């Protein structure tokens, strides 16, 4: 069976913690900050841990990074 490929988009946007949970940056911070409220931009900093249902999808895209 051939090797599975890691999705490049997922590799750039997600990372794993030591316990195997998925870290991600908040959505809506890639571009277009001028139209967003300052409160939104301020609160959408740092990273967050994805919930289990979303993490399951991400782990399928990154088979070797766990």
PDB file of N, CA and C in Angstrom:
ATOM      1  N   UNK A   1       0.839  -1.178   0.000  1.00  0.00           N
ATOM      2  CA  UNK A   1       0.000   0.000   0.000  1.00  0.00           C
ATOM      3  C   UNK A   1       0.886   1.245   0.000  1.00  0.00           C
ATOM      4  N   UNK A   2       0.588   2.229  -0.846  1.00  0.00           N
ATOM      5  CA  UNK A   2       1.432   3.430  -0.901  1.00  0.00           C
ATOM      6  C   UNK A   2       1.283   4.300   0.342  1.00  0.00           C
ATOM      7  N   UNK A   3       2.251   5.185   0.508  1.00  0.00           N
ATOM      8  CA  UNK A   3       2.204   6.120   1.629  1.00  0.00           C
ATOM      9  C   UNK A   3       1.017   7.060   1.483  1.00  0.00           C
ATOM     10  N   UNK A   4       0.452   7.474   2.619  1.00  0.00           N
ATOM     11  CA  UNK A   4      -0.600   8.478   2.595  1.00  0.00           C
ATOM     12  C   UNK A   4       0.075   9.845   2.595  1.00  0.00           C
ATOM     13  N   UNK A   5      -0.565  10.813   1.972  1.00  0.00           N
ATOM     14  CA  UNK A   5       0.020  12.152   1.891  1.00  0.00           C
ATOM     15  C   UNK A   5      -0.600  13.083   2.922  1.00  0.00           C
ATOM     16  N   UNK A   6       0.241  13.947   3.486  1.00  0.00           N
ATOM     17  CA  UNK A   6      -0.231  14.999   4.384  1.00  0.00           C
ATOM     18  C   UNK A   6      -0.738  16.155   3.536  1.00  0.00           C
ATOM     19  N   UNK A   7      -1.901  16.693   3.889  1.00  0.00           N
ATOM     20  CA  UNK A   7      -2.435  17.853   3.176  1.00  0.00           C
ATOM     21  C   UNK A   7      -1.622  19.085   3.549  1.00  0.00           C
ATOM     22  N   UNK A   8      -1.096  19.793   2.555  1.00  0.00           N
ATOM     23  CA  UNK A   8      -0.233  20.946   2.814  1.00  0.00           C
ATOM     24  C   UNK A   8      -0.975  22.064   3.534  1.00  0.00           C
ATOM     25  N   UNK A   9      -2.242  22.255   3.216  1.00  0.00           N
ATOM     26  CA  UNK A   9      -3.013  23.317   3.873  1.00  0.00           C
ATOM     27  C   UNK A   9      -3.170  23.018   5.361  1.00  0.00           C
ATOM     28  N   UNK A  10      -3.421  21.774   5.708  1.00  0.00           N
ATOM     29  CA  UNK A  10      -3.572  21.395   7.115  1.00  0.00           C
ATOM     30  C   UNK A  10      -2.244  21.519   7.850  1.00  0.00           C
ATOM     31  N   UNK A  11      -1.159  21.174   7.180  1.00  0.00           N
ATOM     32  CA  UNK A  11       0.170  21.245   7.787  1.00  0.00           C
ATOM     33  C   UNK A  11       0.512  22.669   8.199  1.00  0.00           C
ATOM     34  N   UNK A  12       0.052  23.647   7.406  1.00  0.00           N
ATOM     35  CA  UNK A  12       0.358  25.050   7.681  1.00  0.00           C
ATOM     36  C   UNK A  12      -0.532  25.639   8.781  1.00  0.00           C
ATOM     37  N   UNK A  13      -1.730  25.092   8.976  1.00  0.00           N
ATOM     38  CA  UNK A  13      -2.707  25.720   9.862  1.00  0.00           C
ATOM     39  C   UNK A  13      -2.867  25.061  11.223  1.00  0.00           C
ATOM     40  N   UNK A  14      -2.474  23.788  11.343  1.00  0.00           N
ATOM     41  CA  UNK A  14      -2.708  23.046  12.572  1.00  0.00           C
ATOM     42  C   UNK A  14      -1.414  22.456  13.102  1.00  0.00           C
ATOM     43  N   UNK A  15      -1.361  22.269  14.425  1.00  0.00           N
ATOM     44  CA  UNK A  15      -0.250  21.552  15.037  1.00  0.00           C
ATOM     45  C   UNK A  15      -0.812  20.739  16.193  1.00  0.00           C
ATOM     46  N   UNK A  16      -0.005  19.809  16.695  1.00  0.00           N
ATOM     47  CA  UNK A  16      -0.451  18.919  17.746  1.00  0.00           C
ATOM     48  C   UNK A  16       0.239  19.241  19.064  1.00  0.00           C
ATOM     49  N   UNK A  17      -0.485  19.052  20.155  1.00  0.00           N
ATOM     50  CA  UNK A  17       0.115  19.182  21.470  1.00  0.00           C
ATOM     51  C   UNK A  17       0.813  17.868  21.807  1.00  0.00           C
ATOM     52  N   UNK A  18       1.519  17.842  22.917  1.00  0.00           N
ATOM     53  CA  UNK A  18       2.234  16.630  23.324  1.00  0.00           C
ATOM     54  C   UNK A  18       1.271  15.487  23.632  1.00  0.00           C
ATOM     55  N   UNK A  19       0.059  15.819  24.086  1.00  0.00           N
ATOM     56  CA  UNK A  19      -0.919  14.776  24.397  1.00  0.00           C
ATOM     57  C   UNK A  19      -1.741  14.370  23.179  1.00  0.00           C
ATOM     58  N   UNK A  20      -1.479  14.960  22.010  1.00  0.00           N
ATOM     59  CA  UNK A  20      -2.160  14.552  20.788  1.00  0.00           C
ATOM     60  C   UNK A  20      -3.378  15.368  20.419  1.00  0.00           C
ATOM     61  N   UNK A  21      -3.674  16.419  21.171  1.00  0.00           N
ATOM     62  CA  UNK A  21      -4.794  17.276  20.802  1.00  0.00           C
ATOM     63  C   UNK A  21      -4.355  18.252  19.720  1.00  0.00           C
ATOM     64  N   UNK A  22      -5.327  18.819  19.001  1.00  0.00           N
ATOM     65  CA  UNK A  22      -5.018  19.667  17.846  1.00  0.00           C
ATOM     66  C   UNK A  22      -5.123  21.139  18.220  1.00  0.00           C
ATOM     67  N   UNK A  23      -4.054  21.894  17.929  1.00  0.00           N
ATOM     68  CA  UNK A  23      -4.041  23.336  18.157  1.00  0.00           C
ATOM     69  C   UNK A  23      -4.299  24.047  16.840  1.00  0.00           C
ATOM     70  N   UNK A  24      -5.043  25.154  16.895  1.00  0.00           N
ATOM     71  CA  UNK A  24      -5.318  25.934  15.695  1.00  0.00           C
ATOM     72  C   UNK A  24      -5.464  27.398  16.062  1.00  0.00           C
ATOM     73  N   UNK A  25      -5.203  28.246  15.109  1.00  0.00           N
ATOM     74  CA  UNK A  25      -5.465  29.662  15.292  1.00  0.00           C
ATOM     75  C   UNK A  25      -6.932  29.930  15.056  1.00  0.00           C
ATOM     76  N   UNK A  26      -7.472  31.006  15.610  1.00  0.00           N
ATOM     77  CA  UNK A  26      -8.890  31.301  15.433  1.00  0.00           C
ATOM     78  C   UNK A  26      -9.225  31.645  13.979  1.00  0.00           C
ATOM     79  N   UNK A  27     -10.439  31.351  13.582  1.00  0.00           N
ATOM     80  CA  UNK A  27     -10.876  31.620  12.218  1.00  0.00           C
ATOM     81  C   UNK A  27     -11.094  33.114  12.009  1.00  0.00           C
ATOM     82  N   UNK A  28     -10.963  33.565  10.774  1.00  0.00           N
ATOM     83  CA  UNK A  28     -11.274  34.942  10.435  1.00  0.00           C
ATOM     84  C   UNK A  28     -10.134  35.918  10.616  1.00  0.00           C
ATOM     85  N   UNK A  29      -8.894  35.431  10.747  1.00  0.00           N
ATOM     86  CA  UNK A  29      -7.773  36.338  10.972  1.00  0.00           C
ATOM     87  C   UNK A  29      -6.764  36.317   9.813  1.00  0.00           C
ATOM     88  N   UNK A  30      -7.130  35.784   8.683  1.00  0.00           N
ATOM     89  CA  UNK A  30      -6.190  35.684   7.563  1.00  0.00           C
ATOM     90  C   UNK A  30      -6.050  37.015   6.818  1.00  0.00           C
ATOM     91  N   UNK A  31      -7.145  37.684   6.588  1.00  0.00           N
ATOM     92  CA  UNK A  31      -7.108  38.957   5.857  1.00  0.00           C
ATOM     93  C   UNK A  31      -8.394  39.706   6.133  1.00  0.00           C
ATOM     94  N   UNK A  32      -8.485  40.952   5.684  1.00  0.00           N
ATOM     95  CA  UNK A  32      -9.710  41.732   5.826  1.00  0.00           C
ATOM     96  C   UNK A  32      -9.950  42.251   7.228  1.00  0.00           C
ATOM     97  N   UNK A  33      -8.877  42.587   7.948  1.00  0.00           N
ATOM     98  CA  UNK A  33      -9.042  43.064   9.323  1.00  0.00           C
ATOM     99  C   UNK A  33      -9.742  44.420   9.404  1.00  0.00           C
ATOM    100  N   UNK A  34      -9.689  45.189   8.334  1.00  0.00           N
ATOM    101  CA  UNK A  34     -10.270  46.535   8.347  1.00  0.00           C
ATOM    102  C   UNK A  34     -11.784  46.490   8.535  1.00  0.00           C
ATOM    103  N   UNK A  35     -12.412  45.436   8.032  1.00  0.00           N
ATOM    104  CA  UNK A  35     -13.874  45.343   8.144  1.00  0.00           C
ATOM    105  C   UNK A  35     -14.324  44.667   9.433  1.00  0.00           C
ATOM    106  N   UNK A  36     -13.413  44.084  10.183  1.00  0.00           N
ATOM    107  CA  UNK A  36     -13.763  43.425  11.434  1.00  0.00           C
ATOM    108  C   UNK A  36     -13.711  44.430  12.586  1.00  0.00           C
ATOM    109  N   UNK A  37     -14.484  44.169  13.612  1.00  0.00           N
ATOM    110  CA  UNK A  37     -14.473  45.082  14.752  1.00  0.00           C
ATOM    111  C   UNK A  37     -13.162  44.910  15.523  1.00  0.00           C
ATOM    112  N   UNK A  38     -12.765  45.958  16.213  1.00  0.00           N
ATOM    113  CA  UNK A  38     -11.522  45.878  16.989  1.00  0.00           C
ATOM    114  C   UNK A  38     -11.654  44.850  18.107  1.00  0.00           C
ATOM    115  N   UNK A  39     -12.846  44.672  18.628  1.00  0.00           N
ATOM    116  CA  UNK A  39     -13.070  43.663  19.658  1.00  0.00           C
ATOM    117  C   UNK A  39     -12.818  42.259  19.102  1.00  0.00           C
ATOM    118  N   UNK A  40     -13.301  42.000  17.899  1.00  0.00           N
ATOM    119  CA  UNK A  40     -13.081  40.690  17.280  1.00  0.00           C
ATOM    120  C   UNK A  40     -11.597  40.427  17.077  1.00  0.00           C
ATOM    121  N   UNK A  41     -10.901  41.400  16.529  1.00  0.00           N
ATOM    122  CA  UNK A  41      -9.471  41.239  16.245  1.00  0.00           C
ATOM    123  C   UNK A  41      -8.697  41.022  17.543  1.00  0.00           C
ATOM    124  N   UNK A  42      -9.046  41.730  18.578  1.00  0.00           N
ATOM    125  CA  UNK A  42      -8.357  41.615  19.862  1.00  0.00           C
ATOM    126  C   UNK A  42      -8.605  40.254  20.505  1.00  0.00           C
ATOM    127  N   UNK A  43      -9.831  39.762  20.435  1.00  0.00           N
ATOM    128  CA  UNK A  43     -10.158  38.498  21.089  1.00  0.00           C
ATOM    129  C   UNK A  43      -9.697  37.275  20.298  1.00  0.00           C
ATOM    130  N   UNK A  44      -9.455  37.441  19.005  1.00  0.00           N
ATOM    131  CA  UNK A  44      -9.073  36.309  18.168  1.00  0.00           C
ATOM    132  C   UNK A  44      -7.560  36.175  18.070  1.00  0.00           C
ATOM    133  N   UNK A  45      -6.871  36.276  19.199  1.00  0.00           N
ATOM    134  CA  UNK A  45      -5.418  36.123  19.211  1.00  0.00           C
ATOM    135  C   UNK A  45      -5.049  34.771  19.796  1.00  0.00           C
ATOM    136  N   UNK A  46      -3.807  34.384  19.606  1.00  0.00           N
ATOM    137  CA  UNK A  46      -3.313  33.142  20.191  1.00  0.00           C
ATOM    138  C   UNK A  46      -3.827  31.915  19.470  1.00  0.00           C
ATOM    139  N   UNK A  47      -3.836  30.805  20.176  1.00  0.00           N
ATOM    140  CA  UNK A  47      -4.303  29.545  19.601  1.00  0.00           C
ATOM    141  C   UNK A  47      -5.383  28.959  20.499  1.00  0.00           C
ATOM    142  N   UNK A  48      -6.072  27.952  19.965  1.00  0.00           N
ATOM    143  CA  UNK A  48      -7.106  27.271  20.738  1.00  0.00           C
ATOM    144  C   UNK A  48      -7.013  25.780  20.448  1.00  0.00           C
ATOM    145  N   UNK A  49      -7.606  24.988  21.304  1.00  0.00           N
ATOM    146  CA  UNK A  49      -7.665  23.537  21.127  1.00  0.00           C
ATOM    147  C   UNK A  49      -8.982  23.215  20.429  1.00  0.00           C
ATOM    148  N   UNK A  50      -8.911  22.448  19.344  1.00  0.00           N
ATOM    149  CA  UNK A  50     -10.131  22.085  18.623  1.00  0.00           C
ATOM    150  C   UNK A  50     -10.926  21.051  19.405  1.00  0.00           C
ATOM    151  N   UNK A  51     -12.242  21.051  19.211  1.00  0.00           N
ATOM    152  CA  UNK A  51     -13.053  20.025  19.855  1.00  0.00           C
ATOM    153  C   UNK A  51     -12.853  18.685  19.146  1.00  0.00           C
ATOM    154  N   UNK A  52     -13.334  17.621  19.741  1.00  0.00           N
ATOM    155  CA  UNK A  52     -13.016  16.276  19.278  1.00  0.00           C
ATOM    156  C   UNK A  52     -13.501  15.997  17.859  1.00  0.00           C
ATOM    157  N   UNK A  53     -14.685  16.491  17.505  1.00  0.00           N
ATOM    158  CA  UNK A  53     -15.216  16.197  16.172  1.00  0.00           C
ATOM    159  C   UNK A  53     -14.402  16.884  15.082  1.00  0.00           C
ATOM    160  N   UNK A  54     -13.939  18.116  15.339  1.00  0.00           N
ATOM    161  CA  UNK A  54     -13.092  18.797  14.364  1.00  0.00           C
ATOM    162  C   UNK A  54     -11.692  18.195  14.334  1.00  0.00           C
ATOM    163  N   UNK A  55     -11.180  17.804  15.492  1.00  0.00           N
ATOM    164  CA  UNK A  55      -9.842  17.226  15.565  1.00  0.00           C
ATOM    165  C   UNK A  55      -9.775  15.913  14.789  1.00  0.00           C
ATOM    166  N   UNK A  56     -10.863  15.169  14.789  1.00  0.00           N
ATOM    167  CA  UNK A  56     -10.912  13.896  14.069  1.00  0.00           C
ATOM    168  C   UNK A  56     -10.718  14.118  12.567  1.00  0.00           C
ATOM    169  N   UNK A  57     -11.284  15.183  12.034  1.00  0.00           N
ATOM    170  CA  UNK A  57     -11.145  15.513  10.618  1.00  0.00           C
ATOM    171  C   UNK A  57      -9.708  15.917  10.302  1.00  0.00           C
ATOM    172  N   UNK A  58      -9.115  16.741  11.176  1.00  0.00           N
ATOM    173  CA  UNK A  58      -7.757  17.224  10.949  1.00  0.00           C
ATOM    174  C   UNK A  58      -6.762  16.070  11.003  1.00  0.00           C
ATOM    175  N   UNK A  59      -6.958  15.136  11.913  1.00  0.00           N
ATOM    176  CA  UNK A  59      -6.036  14.006  12.048  1.00  0.00           C
ATOM    177  C   UNK A  59      -6.041  13.125  10.806  1.00  0.00           C
ATOM    178  N   UNK A  60      -7.156  13.114  10.087  1.00  0.00           N
ATOM    179  CA  UNK A  60      -7.227  12.347   8.839  1.00  0.00           C
ATOM    180  C   UNK A  60      -6.323  12.992   7.771  1.00  0.00           C
ATOM    181  N   UNK A  61      -6.188  14.312   7.803  1.00  0.00           N
ATOM    182  CA  UNK A  61      -5.373  15.013   6.826  1.00  0.00           C
ATOM    183  C   UNK A  61      -3.885  14.960   7.156  1.00  0.00           C
ATOM    184  N   UNK A  62      -3.533  14.680   8.425  1.00  0.00           N
ATOM    185  CA  UNK A  62      -2.143  14.680   8.841  1.00  0.00           C
ATOM    186  C   UNK A  62      -1.796  13.335   9.464  1.00  0.00           C
ATOM    187  N   UNK A  63      -1.646  12.279   8.648  1.00  0.00           N
ATOM    188  CA  UNK A  63      -1.517  10.948   9.196  1.00  0.00           C
ATOM    189  C   UNK A  63      -0.198  10.686   9.944  1.00  0.00           C
ATOM    190  N   UNK A  64       0.873  11.401   9.629  1.00  0.00           N
ATOM    191  CA  UNK A  64       2.171  11.093  10.211  1.00  0.00           C
ATOM    192  C   UNK A  64       2.606  12.058  11.287  1.00  0.00           C
ATOM    193  N   UNK A  65       1.847  13.106  11.565  1.00  0.00           N
ATOM    194  CA  UNK A  65       2.277  14.144  12.484  1.00  0.00           C
ATOM    195  C   UNK A  65       1.725  13.969  13.883  1.00  0.00           C
ATOM    196  N   UNK A  66       1.285  12.778  14.240  1.00  0.00           N
ATOM    197  CA  UNK A  66       0.698  12.604  15.567  1.00  0.00           C
ATOM    198  C   UNK A  66       1.705  12.032  16.531  1.00  0.00           C
TER     199      UNK A  66
END
